[in-house]
Amino acid sequence: MRAVVQRVSRASVTVDGKTVGAIGRGFLVLLGVTHADGQAEADWLARKIAGLRIFEDDASSRMGKLNLGLADIGGAVLVVSQFTLYGDARKGRRPSFTAAARPEQAEPLVSYFVDQLRGQGLHVETGQFQAKMDVALVNDGPVTLWLDTADALR
């Protein structure tokens, strides 16, 4: 699994003009699933994201020490499925998405991942799987991290 984690002041997802998910301060997580992914990858990634300490404490000014996590600040998570994280544009001008898992594999795993985050005590909102989504965010910092279970578990 791949995740782009963006620390946000706020973020939302709109489908056909209707807001389907919105959060205040927290993380926007763009999540991609590949063929080899399963519950072990989702478990690891949910624990990693829930434990990330990328918010400043009161003693830090500007981009000082990042000591606080989501639980410390009462933050939330907005998870948006993003198969394009497995796009391969090394050849030609049109990316290939063959490394992305098919929807019948990806959708239950994304749901499982969301459940694991909620199991960590976090408030989690989501986008809408396979919909054309408008994602809006205010990136705080900016702070953006790339996490890939292939780097950590294989």
N, C-alpha and C. Protein backbone atom coordinates (compact mmCIF):
# COMPACT_ATOMS: atom_id res chain seq x y z
N MET A 1 0.85 -1.17 0.00
CA MET A 1 0.00 0.00 0.00
C MET A 1 0.89 1.23 0.00
N ARG A 2 0.38 2.24 -0.63
CA ARG A 2 1.08 3.53 -0.65
C ARG A 2 0.14 4.58 -0.09
N ALA A 3 0.73 5.49 0.68
CA ALA A 3 -0.06 6.59 1.23
C ALA A 3 0.74 7.87 1.12
N VAL A 4 0.06 8.89 0.64
CA VAL A 4 0.58 10.25 0.71
C VAL A 4 -0.19 10.89 1.86
N VAL A 5 0.54 11.26 2.90
CA VAL A 5 -0.07 11.82 4.11
C VAL A 5 0.22 13.31 4.12
N GLN A 6 -0.83 14.11 4.10
CA GLN A 6 -0.68 15.56 4.14
C GLN A 6 -1.27 16.08 5.43
N ARG A 7 -0.47 16.84 6.17
CA ARG A 7 -0.98 17.49 7.37
C ARG A 7 -1.82 18.67 6.91
N VAL A 8 -3.07 18.72 7.37
CA VAL A 8 -3.99 19.73 6.87
C VAL A 8 -4.64 20.51 8.00
N SER A 9 -5.01 21.75 7.68
CA SER A 9 -5.85 22.54 8.57
C SER A 9 -7.30 22.13 8.40
N ARG A 10 -7.63 21.76 7.15
CA ARG A 10 -8.95 21.23 6.83
C ARG A 10 -8.88 20.57 5.46
N ALA A 11 -9.81 19.64 5.23
CA ALA A 11 -9.87 18.95 3.94
C ALA A 11 -11.29 18.42 3.75
N SER A 12 -11.67 18.30 2.48
CA SER A 12 -13.00 17.77 2.18
C SER A 12 -12.99 17.08 0.82
N VAL A 13 -14.00 16.23 0.64
CA VAL A 13 -14.21 15.54 -0.63
C VAL A 13 -15.64 15.77 -1.06
N THR A 14 -15.80 16.18 -2.31
CA THR A 14 -17.12 16.45 -2.87
C THR A 14 -17.33 15.54 -4.08
N VAL A 15 -18.52 14.94 -4.16
CA VAL A 15 -18.91 14.12 -5.30
C VAL A 15 -20.23 14.66 -5.82
N ASP A 16 -20.27 15.02 -7.09
CA ASP A 16 -21.49 15.57 -7.71
C ASP A 16 -22.06 16.73 -6.90
N GLY A 17 -21.19 17.60 -6.41
CA GLY A 17 -21.63 18.79 -5.68
C GLY A 17 -22.01 18.55 -4.23
N LYS A 18 -21.92 17.31 -3.75
CA LYS A 18 -22.28 16.99 -2.37
C LYS A 18 -21.03 16.59 -1.58
N THR A 19 -20.84 17.19 -0.41
CA THR A 19 -19.70 16.83 0.43
C THR A 19 -19.94 15.46 1.05
N VAL A 20 -19.01 14.53 0.77
CA VAL A 20 -19.15 13.17 1.30
C VAL A 20 -18.22 12.92 2.47
N GLY A 21 -17.22 13.77 2.66
CA GLY A 21 -16.30 13.65 3.78
C GLY A 21 -15.60 14.97 4.02
N ALA A 22 -15.44 15.33 5.29
CA ALA A 22 -14.75 16.59 5.61
C ALA A 22 -14.17 16.50 7.01
N ILE A 23 -13.00 17.09 7.18
CA ILE A 23 -12.35 17.14 8.49
C ILE A 23 -11.79 18.54 8.72
N GLY A 24 -11.50 18.83 9.98
CA GLY A 24 -10.72 20.00 10.34
C GLY A 24 -9.26 19.58 10.38
N ARG A 25 -8.57 19.96 11.42
CA ARG A 25 -7.14 19.68 11.56
C ARG A 25 -6.88 18.18 11.60
N GLY A 26 -5.88 17.76 10.85
CA GLY A 26 -5.54 16.33 10.85
C GLY A 26 -4.75 15.95 9.62
N PHE A 27 -5.06 14.76 9.08
CA PHE A 27 -4.34 14.22 7.92
C PHE A 27 -5.31 13.96 6.78
N LEU A 28 -4.91 14.35 5.59
CA LEU A 28 -5.52 13.85 4.37
C LEU A 28 -4.63 12.71 3.91
N VAL A 29 -5.20 11.52 3.77
CA VAL A 29 -4.44 10.35 3.34
C VAL A 29 -4.94 9.92 1.97
N LEU A 30 -4.08 10.06 0.97
CA LEU A 30 -4.35 9.51 -0.36
C LEU A 30 -3.79 8.10 -0.35
N LEU A 31 -4.63 7.10 -0.60
CA LEU A 31 -4.27 5.70 -0.37
C LEU A 31 -4.36 4.88 -1.65
N GLY A 32 -3.27 4.21 -2.00
CA GLY A 32 -3.24 3.32 -3.15
C GLY A 32 -3.00 1.89 -2.72
N VAL A 33 -3.60 0.96 -3.45
CA VAL A 33 -3.47 -0.48 -3.16
C VAL A 33 -2.93 -1.17 -4.39
N THR A 34 -1.97 -2.09 -4.18
CA THR A 34 -1.44 -2.89 -5.27
C THR A 34 -1.80 -4.36 -5.04
N HIS A 35 -1.48 -5.20 -6.02
CA HIS A 35 -1.92 -6.61 -6.03
C HIS A 35 -1.44 -7.42 -4.83
N ALA A 36 -0.25 -7.16 -4.35
CA ALA A 36 0.33 -7.96 -3.27
C ALA A 36 -0.15 -7.54 -1.88
N ASP A 37 -0.95 -6.49 -1.79
CA ASP A 37 -1.37 -5.96 -0.49
C ASP A 37 -2.48 -6.79 0.13
N GLY A 38 -2.42 -6.85 1.46
CA GLY A 38 -3.43 -7.55 2.23
C GLY A 38 -3.60 -6.88 3.59
N GLN A 39 -4.20 -7.59 4.50
CA GLN A 39 -4.48 -7.01 5.81
C GLN A 39 -3.21 -6.66 6.58
N ALA A 40 -2.14 -7.40 6.40
CA ALA A 40 -0.89 -7.09 7.11
C ALA A 40 -0.38 -5.69 6.73
N GLU A 41 -0.46 -5.37 5.44
CA GLU A 41 -0.02 -4.05 4.98
C GLU A 41 -0.94 -2.96 5.53
N ALA A 42 -2.25 -3.22 5.51
CA ALA A 42 -3.21 -2.24 6.02
C ALA A 42 -3.01 -2.02 7.52
N ASP A 43 -2.77 -3.10 8.26
CA ASP A 43 -2.53 -2.99 9.71
C ASP A 43 -1.30 -2.14 9.99
N TRP A 44 -0.20 -2.44 9.31
CA TRP A 44 1.04 -1.70 9.53
C TRP A 44 0.85 -0.22 9.21
N LEU A 45 0.23 0.05 8.06
CA LEU A 45 0.06 1.44 7.63
C LEU A 45 -0.87 2.21 8.57
N ALA A 46 -1.93 1.58 9.04
CA ALA A 46 -2.85 2.25 9.97
C ALA A 46 -2.13 2.58 11.29
N ARG A 47 -1.34 1.63 11.80
CA ARG A 47 -0.58 1.90 13.03
C ARG A 47 0.42 3.02 12.82
N LYS A 48 1.10 3.00 11.68
CA LYS A 48 2.11 4.02 11.38
C LYS A 48 1.47 5.41 11.31
N ILE A 49 0.38 5.52 10.58
CA ILE A 49 -0.28 6.82 10.42
C ILE A 49 -0.86 7.30 11.74
N ALA A 50 -1.50 6.40 12.48
CA ALA A 50 -2.08 6.79 13.77
C ALA A 50 -1.01 7.26 14.75
N GLY A 51 0.20 6.76 14.61
CA GLY A 51 1.28 7.12 15.53
C GLY A 51 2.19 8.24 15.06
N LEU A 52 2.00 8.74 13.83
CA LEU A 52 2.87 9.80 13.32
C LEU A 52 2.81 11.03 14.20
N ARG A 53 3.97 11.54 14.54
CA ARG A 53 4.06 12.77 15.33
C ARG A 53 4.59 13.87 14.42
N ILE A 54 3.66 14.57 13.77
CA ILE A 54 4.07 15.61 12.82
C ILE A 54 3.34 16.93 13.07
N PHE A 55 2.94 17.15 14.33
CA PHE A 55 2.38 18.43 14.74
C PHE A 55 3.30 19.04 15.79
N GLU A 56 3.46 20.38 15.73
CA GLU A 56 4.31 21.07 16.69
C GLU A 56 3.62 21.14 18.04
N ASP A 57 4.42 21.06 19.12
CA ASP A 57 3.86 21.29 20.45
C ASP A 57 3.91 22.78 20.76
N ASP A 58 3.37 23.18 21.90
CA ASP A 58 3.31 24.60 22.26
C ASP A 58 4.68 25.23 22.38
N ALA A 59 5.70 24.45 22.71
CA ALA A 59 7.04 24.99 22.89
C ALA A 59 7.74 25.23 21.55
N SER A 60 7.20 24.65 20.49
CA SER A 60 7.82 24.80 19.17
C SER A 60 7.21 25.98 18.44
N SER A 61 8.04 26.72 17.76
CA SER A 61 7.52 27.82 16.96
C SER A 61 7.78 27.51 15.49
N ARG A 62 6.87 27.91 14.66
CA ARG A 62 6.94 27.64 13.22
C ARG A 62 7.18 26.17 12.99
N MET A 63 8.16 25.82 12.19
CA MET A 63 8.45 24.42 11.91
C MET A 63 9.53 23.91 12.86
N GLY A 64 9.24 23.96 14.13
CA GLY A 64 10.16 23.46 15.13
C GLY A 64 10.04 21.95 15.25
N LYS A 65 10.16 21.46 16.46
CA LYS A 65 10.09 20.02 16.70
C LYS A 65 8.66 19.52 16.51
N LEU A 66 8.56 18.42 15.83
CA LEU A 66 7.27 17.79 15.58
C LEU A 66 7.08 16.71 16.64
N ASN A 67 6.38 17.05 17.70
CA ASN A 67 6.25 16.15 18.85
C ASN A 67 4.88 15.53 19.02
N LEU A 68 3.85 16.07 18.38
CA LEU A 68 2.49 15.66 18.67
C LEU A 68 1.88 14.85 17.53
N GLY A 69 1.01 13.91 17.92
CA GLY A 69 0.29 13.09 16.95
C GLY A 69 -1.17 13.48 16.89
N LEU A 70 -1.92 12.77 16.09
CA LEU A 70 -3.35 13.05 15.92
C LEU A 70 -4.11 13.00 17.24
N ALA A 71 -3.86 11.99 18.05
CA ALA A 71 -4.57 11.86 19.32
C ALA A 71 -4.28 13.04 20.24
N ASP A 72 -3.05 13.54 20.20
CA ASP A 72 -2.66 14.67 21.06
C ASP A 72 -3.40 15.95 20.72
N ILE A 73 -3.72 16.13 19.46
CA ILE A 73 -4.35 17.39 19.03
C ILE A 73 -5.85 17.23 18.76
N GLY A 74 -6.37 16.01 18.94
CA GLY A 74 -7.78 15.77 18.63
C GLY A 74 -8.05 15.83 17.14
N GLY A 75 -7.08 15.42 16.34
CA GLY A 75 -7.18 15.49 14.89
C GLY A 75 -7.98 14.35 14.29
N ALA A 76 -8.31 14.50 13.03
CA ALA A 76 -9.08 13.51 12.29
C ALA A 76 -8.33 13.12 11.02
N VAL A 77 -8.86 12.13 10.33
CA VAL A 77 -8.24 11.63 9.09
C VAL A 77 -9.31 11.59 8.00
N LEU A 78 -8.93 12.07 6.83
CA LEU A 78 -9.77 11.93 5.64
C LEU A 78 -9.02 11.00 4.69
N VAL A 79 -9.59 9.83 4.42
CA VAL A 79 -8.96 8.82 3.56
C VAL A 79 -9.62 8.87 2.18
N VAL A 80 -8.80 9.03 1.15
CA VAL A 80 -9.27 9.07 -0.22
C VAL A 80 -8.53 8.00 -1.02
N SER A 81 -9.26 7.03 -1.52
CA SER A 81 -8.66 5.99 -2.35
C SER A 81 -8.11 6.62 -3.63
N GLN A 82 -6.88 6.24 -3.99
CA GLN A 82 -6.20 6.89 -5.11
C GLN A 82 -5.36 5.87 -5.86
N PHE A 83 -5.99 5.16 -6.81
CA PHE A 83 -5.28 4.13 -7.57
C PHE A 83 -4.12 4.72 -8.37
N THR A 84 -4.16 6.01 -8.68
CA THR A 84 -3.11 6.62 -9.49
C THR A 84 -1.76 6.69 -8.77
N LEU A 85 -1.74 6.40 -7.48
CA LEU A 85 -0.45 6.33 -6.77
C LEU A 85 0.41 5.18 -7.31
N TYR A 86 -0.22 4.23 -7.99
CA TYR A 86 0.51 3.14 -8.63
C TYR A 86 0.65 3.34 -10.13
N GLY A 87 0.50 4.57 -10.59
CA GLY A 87 0.71 4.87 -12.00
C GLY A 87 2.19 4.82 -12.34
N ASP A 88 2.49 4.28 -13.51
CA ASP A 88 3.87 4.18 -13.98
C ASP A 88 3.98 4.99 -15.27
N ALA A 89 4.71 6.08 -15.21
CA ALA A 89 4.86 6.97 -16.36
C ALA A 89 6.29 6.96 -16.89
N ARG A 90 7.02 5.88 -16.63
CA ARG A 90 8.42 5.83 -17.08
C ARG A 90 8.52 5.75 -18.60
N LYS A 91 7.55 5.11 -19.24
CA LYS A 91 7.58 4.97 -20.70
C LYS A 91 6.42 5.74 -21.30
N GLY A 92 6.68 6.42 -22.35
CA GLY A 92 5.62 7.13 -23.05
C GLY A 92 5.09 8.31 -22.26
N ARG A 93 3.92 8.78 -22.66
CA ARG A 93 3.33 9.94 -22.00
C ARG A 93 2.04 9.61 -21.27
N ARG A 94 1.54 8.40 -21.45
CA ARG A 94 0.31 8.00 -20.77
C ARG A 94 0.68 6.97 -19.71
N PRO A 95 0.36 7.23 -18.44
CA PRO A 95 0.73 6.29 -17.38
C PRO A 95 -0.01 4.97 -17.51
N SER A 96 0.65 3.93 -17.06
CA SER A 96 0.04 2.61 -16.94
C SER A 96 -0.37 2.41 -15.49
N PHE A 97 -1.52 1.82 -15.28
CA PHE A 97 -2.00 1.59 -13.92
C PHE A 97 -2.13 0.10 -13.61
N THR A 98 -1.34 -0.73 -14.31
CA THR A 98 -1.44 -2.18 -14.11
C THR A 98 -0.98 -2.61 -12.71
N ALA A 99 -0.18 -1.80 -12.05
CA ALA A 99 0.27 -2.16 -10.70
C ALA A 99 -0.80 -1.89 -9.65
N ALA A 100 -1.82 -1.13 -9.99
CA ALA A 100 -2.91 -0.84 -9.04
C ALA A 100 -3.83 -2.06 -8.95
N ALA A 101 -4.26 -2.35 -7.74
CA ALA A 101 -5.18 -3.47 -7.54
C ALA A 101 -6.52 -3.18 -8.19
N ARG A 102 -7.19 -4.23 -8.64
CA ARG A 102 -8.53 -4.10 -9.21
C ARG A 102 -9.50 -3.65 -8.10
N PRO A 103 -10.57 -2.99 -8.46
CA PRO A 103 -11.52 -2.49 -7.46
C PRO A 103 -12.04 -3.56 -6.50
N GLU A 104 -12.29 -4.76 -6.99
CA GLU A 104 -12.82 -5.81 -6.12
C GLU A 104 -11.82 -6.24 -5.03
N GLN A 105 -10.53 -6.01 -5.23
CA GLN A 105 -9.53 -6.24 -4.19
C GLN A 105 -9.31 -4.97 -3.37
N ALA A 106 -9.23 -3.84 -4.04
CA ALA A 106 -8.86 -2.59 -3.36
C ALA A 106 -9.94 -2.08 -2.42
N GLU A 107 -11.20 -2.11 -2.84
CA GLU A 107 -12.26 -1.51 -2.02
C GLU A 107 -12.39 -2.14 -0.64
N PRO A 108 -12.42 -3.48 -0.54
CA PRO A 108 -12.49 -4.04 0.82
C PRO A 108 -11.25 -3.75 1.66
N LEU A 109 -10.09 -3.65 1.02
CA LEU A 109 -8.87 -3.38 1.76
C LEU A 109 -8.83 -1.93 2.24
N VAL A 110 -9.32 -1.01 1.44
CA VAL A 110 -9.43 0.39 1.87
C VAL A 110 -10.39 0.49 3.05
N SER A 111 -11.51 -0.20 2.97
CA SER A 111 -12.48 -0.22 4.09
C SER A 111 -11.85 -0.81 5.35
N TYR A 112 -11.10 -1.88 5.18
CA TYR A 112 -10.41 -2.50 6.31
C TYR A 112 -9.42 -1.52 6.93
N PHE A 113 -8.66 -0.82 6.10
CA PHE A 113 -7.70 0.17 6.57
C PHE A 113 -8.41 1.26 7.38
N VAL A 114 -9.53 1.76 6.87
CA VAL A 114 -10.31 2.78 7.58
C VAL A 114 -10.77 2.24 8.93
N ASP A 115 -11.23 0.99 8.97
CA ASP A 115 -11.65 0.38 10.23
C ASP A 115 -10.50 0.29 11.22
N GLN A 116 -9.30 0.01 10.72
CA GLN A 116 -8.13 -0.09 11.59
C GLN A 116 -7.78 1.28 12.18
N LEU A 117 -7.90 2.33 11.38
CA LEU A 117 -7.67 3.68 11.92
C LEU A 117 -8.70 4.01 12.99
N ARG A 118 -9.95 3.68 12.73
CA ARG A 118 -11.00 3.93 13.72
C ARG A 118 -10.74 3.12 14.98
N GLY A 119 -10.20 1.93 14.82
CA GLY A 119 -9.85 1.09 15.97
C GLY A 119 -8.75 1.71 16.82
N GLN A 120 -7.99 2.63 16.25
CA GLN A 120 -6.95 3.36 16.98
C GLN A 120 -7.55 4.55 17.73
N GLY A 121 -8.88 4.69 17.65
CA GLY A 121 -9.55 5.77 18.35
C GLY A 121 -9.64 7.07 17.56
N LEU A 122 -9.40 7.01 16.27
CA LEU A 122 -9.40 8.22 15.45
C LEU A 122 -10.75 8.43 14.76
N HIS A 123 -11.10 9.71 14.57
CA HIS A 123 -12.27 10.04 13.76
C HIS A 123 -11.81 10.00 12.30
N VAL A 124 -12.50 9.21 11.48
CA VAL A 124 -12.10 9.03 10.09
C VAL A 124 -13.29 9.30 9.17
N GLU A 125 -13.05 10.13 8.18
CA GLU A 125 -13.99 10.38 7.10
C GLU A 125 -13.38 9.80 5.83
N THR A 126 -14.20 9.57 4.81
CA THR A 126 -13.69 8.98 3.58
C THR A 126 -14.26 9.69 2.36
N GLY A 127 -13.60 9.42 1.25
CA GLY A 127 -14.14 9.80 -0.04
C GLY A 127 -15.12 8.72 -0.47
N GLN A 128 -15.42 8.68 -1.76
CA GLN A 128 -16.34 7.68 -2.30
C GLN A 128 -15.58 6.85 -3.32
N PHE A 129 -15.49 5.56 -3.08
CA PHE A 129 -14.71 4.68 -3.93
C PHE A 129 -15.23 4.72 -5.37
N GLN A 130 -14.33 4.80 -6.33
CA GLN A 130 -14.57 4.80 -7.77
C GLN A 130 -15.41 5.98 -8.26
N ALA A 131 -15.52 7.03 -7.48
CA ALA A 131 -16.26 8.21 -7.93
C ALA A 131 -15.27 9.27 -8.41
N LYS A 132 -15.74 10.18 -9.22
CA LYS A 132 -14.94 11.34 -9.58
C LYS A 132 -15.08 12.32 -8.42
N MET A 133 -14.00 12.50 -7.70
CA MET A 133 -14.02 13.30 -6.47
C MET A 133 -13.27 14.60 -6.66
N ASP A 134 -13.82 15.66 -6.07
CA ASP A 134 -13.10 16.92 -5.94
C ASP A 134 -12.57 16.97 -4.52
N VAL A 135 -11.26 17.00 -4.39
CA VAL A 135 -10.63 17.00 -3.08
C VAL A 135 -10.07 18.41 -2.83
N ALA A 136 -10.48 18.99 -1.71
CA ALA A 136 -10.00 20.31 -1.34
C ALA A 136 -9.24 20.19 -0.02
N LEU A 137 -8.15 20.93 0.09
CA LEU A 137 -7.38 20.88 1.32
C LEU A 137 -6.61 22.16 1.52
N VAL A 138 -6.32 22.42 2.78
CA VAL A 138 -5.36 23.46 3.14
C VAL A 138 -4.22 22.72 3.81
N ASN A 139 -3.11 22.60 3.09
CA ASN A 139 -1.94 21.88 3.57
C ASN A 139 -1.26 22.73 4.63
N ASP A 140 -1.10 22.19 5.82
CA ASP A 140 -0.55 22.91 6.97
C ASP A 140 0.94 22.70 7.04
N GLY A 141 1.70 23.72 6.74
CA GLY A 141 3.16 23.62 6.86
C GLY A 141 3.88 24.18 5.64
N PRO A 142 3.83 23.52 4.54
CA PRO A 142 3.24 22.23 4.26
C PRO A 142 4.06 21.08 4.81
N VAL A 143 3.36 20.04 5.23
CA VAL A 143 3.99 18.79 5.66
C VAL A 143 3.33 17.68 4.86
N THR A 144 4.13 16.97 4.06
CA THR A 144 3.65 15.88 3.24
C THR A 144 4.64 14.73 3.32
N LEU A 145 4.12 13.53 3.61
CA LEU A 145 4.96 12.34 3.72
C LEU A 145 4.48 11.26 2.75
N TRP A 146 5.42 10.46 2.28
CA TRP A 146 5.13 9.32 1.41
C TRP A 146 5.45 8.07 2.22
N LEU A 147 4.47 7.19 2.40
CA LEU A 147 4.68 5.92 3.09
C LEU A 147 4.36 4.79 2.15
N ASP A 148 5.21 3.77 2.11
CA ASP A 148 5.00 2.64 1.22
C ASP A 148 5.32 1.37 1.99
N THR A 149 4.34 0.48 2.09
CA THR A 149 4.54 -0.76 2.85
C THR A 149 5.59 -1.65 2.18
N ALA A 150 5.79 -1.50 0.88
CA ALA A 150 6.82 -2.30 0.21
C ALA A 150 8.20 -1.96 0.78
N ASP A 151 8.41 -0.73 1.18
CA ASP A 151 9.68 -0.32 1.76
C ASP A 151 9.85 -0.86 3.18
N ALA A 152 8.73 -1.06 3.87
CA ALA A 152 8.78 -1.42 5.28
C ALA A 152 8.61 -2.91 5.55
N LEU A 153 7.82 -3.60 4.74
CA LEU A 153 7.43 -4.97 5.07
C LEU A 153 8.02 -6.04 4.16
N ARG A 154 8.58 -5.66 3.03
CA ARG A 154 9.06 -6.68 2.10
C ARG A 154 10.55 -6.66 1.99
